[in-house]
Amino acid sequence: MKWILDRLGRLSAAYLQRPSPGYEPLTPADPSALQTSIRPGDTLLIEGRNRISGIIKYLHTFDLVSRRTLC
């Protein structure tokens, strides 16, 4: 029974780590513009592109971003 649960967990994790089909970022990433405009203390909102990020965004936080970081 343990091997069945282990296999099921591995299959689920592999599925959730795949990129979401039809993913398009809400805003284009421009590293040079970000570097010139970010200051210490700013919060970056990061949008993930895989299936688990989508689950985190909509079920847990009800937000359009899946991760946040403080600079």
Protein backbone atom coordinates (compact mmCIF):
# COMPACT_ATOMS: atom_id res chain seq x y z
CA MET A 1 0.00 0.00 0.00
CA LYS A 2 2.86 2.40 0.79
CA TRP A 3 4.30 2.07 -2.72
CA ILE A 4 0.90 2.98 -4.21
CA LEU A 5 0.74 6.19 -2.18
CA ASP A 6 4.36 6.99 -3.06
CA ARG A 7 3.69 6.49 -6.76
CA LEU A 8 0.50 8.56 -6.60
CA GLY A 9 2.38 11.37 -4.85
CA ARG A 10 5.15 11.35 -7.45
CA LEU A 11 2.67 11.40 -10.34
CA SER A 12 0.74 14.26 -8.75
CA ALA A 13 3.91 16.27 -8.16
CA ALA A 14 5.08 15.72 -11.74
CA TYR A 15 1.70 16.87 -13.08
CA LEU A 16 1.60 19.99 -10.90
CA GLN A 17 5.12 21.03 -11.90
CA ARG A 18 4.32 21.10 -15.63
CA PRO A 19 3.80 24.49 -17.27
CA SER A 20 0.18 25.57 -17.55
CA PRO A 21 -1.17 25.28 -21.09
CA GLY A 22 -1.87 28.62 -22.73
CA TYR A 23 0.10 30.57 -20.10
CA GLU A 24 0.78 34.19 -21.00
CA PRO A 25 2.26 36.63 -18.48
CA LEU A 26 0.10 39.58 -17.48
CA THR A 27 2.96 42.00 -18.02
CA PRO A 28 6.12 41.63 -20.10
CA ALA A 29 9.34 41.07 -18.18
CA ASP A 30 11.90 43.81 -18.81
CA PRO A 31 14.87 43.28 -16.46
CA SER A 32 16.55 46.59 -17.32
CA ALA A 33 13.39 48.60 -16.56
CA LEU A 34 12.91 46.68 -13.32
CA GLN A 35 16.52 47.28 -12.27
CA THR A 36 16.23 51.03 -12.78
CA SER A 37 12.91 51.39 -10.97
CA ILE A 38 13.21 49.03 -7.97
CA ARG A 39 14.35 50.41 -4.63
CA PRO A 40 15.18 48.83 -1.24
CA GLY A 41 11.98 47.93 0.57
CA ASP A 42 9.94 47.42 -2.61
CA THR A 43 7.85 44.27 -2.86
CA LEU A 44 8.00 42.22 -6.03
CA LEU A 45 4.93 40.22 -7.00
CA ILE A 46 5.94 37.14 -8.99
CA GLU A 47 3.60 35.21 -11.24
CA GLY A 48 4.39 31.53 -11.66
CA ARG A 49 3.79 29.62 -14.88
CA ASN A 50 3.25 26.05 -13.71
CA ARG A 51 0.07 24.34 -12.53
CA ILE A 52 0.89 24.50 -8.81
CA SER A 53 1.34 28.27 -9.11
CA GLY A 54 -2.17 28.51 -10.50
CA ILE A 55 -3.54 26.56 -7.56
CA ILE A 56 -1.70 28.79 -5.09
CA LYS A 57 -2.86 31.95 -6.86
CA TYR A 58 -6.56 31.23 -7.04
CA LEU A 59 -7.38 28.83 -4.22
CA HIS A 60 -5.11 30.03 -1.45
CA THR A 61 -4.62 33.75 -1.94
CA PHE A 62 -7.36 34.68 -4.45
CA ASP A 63 -4.72 36.83 -6.11
CA LEU A 64 -3.03 37.06 -9.50
CA VAL A 65 0.44 36.37 -8.10
CA SER A 66 1.78 33.19 -6.57
CA ARG A 67 4.88 34.49 -4.76
CA ARG A 68 6.08 37.72 -3.19
CA THR A 69 9.54 38.88 -2.25
CA LEU A 70 10.85 41.87 -0.34
CA CYS A 71 13.85 43.65 -1.86
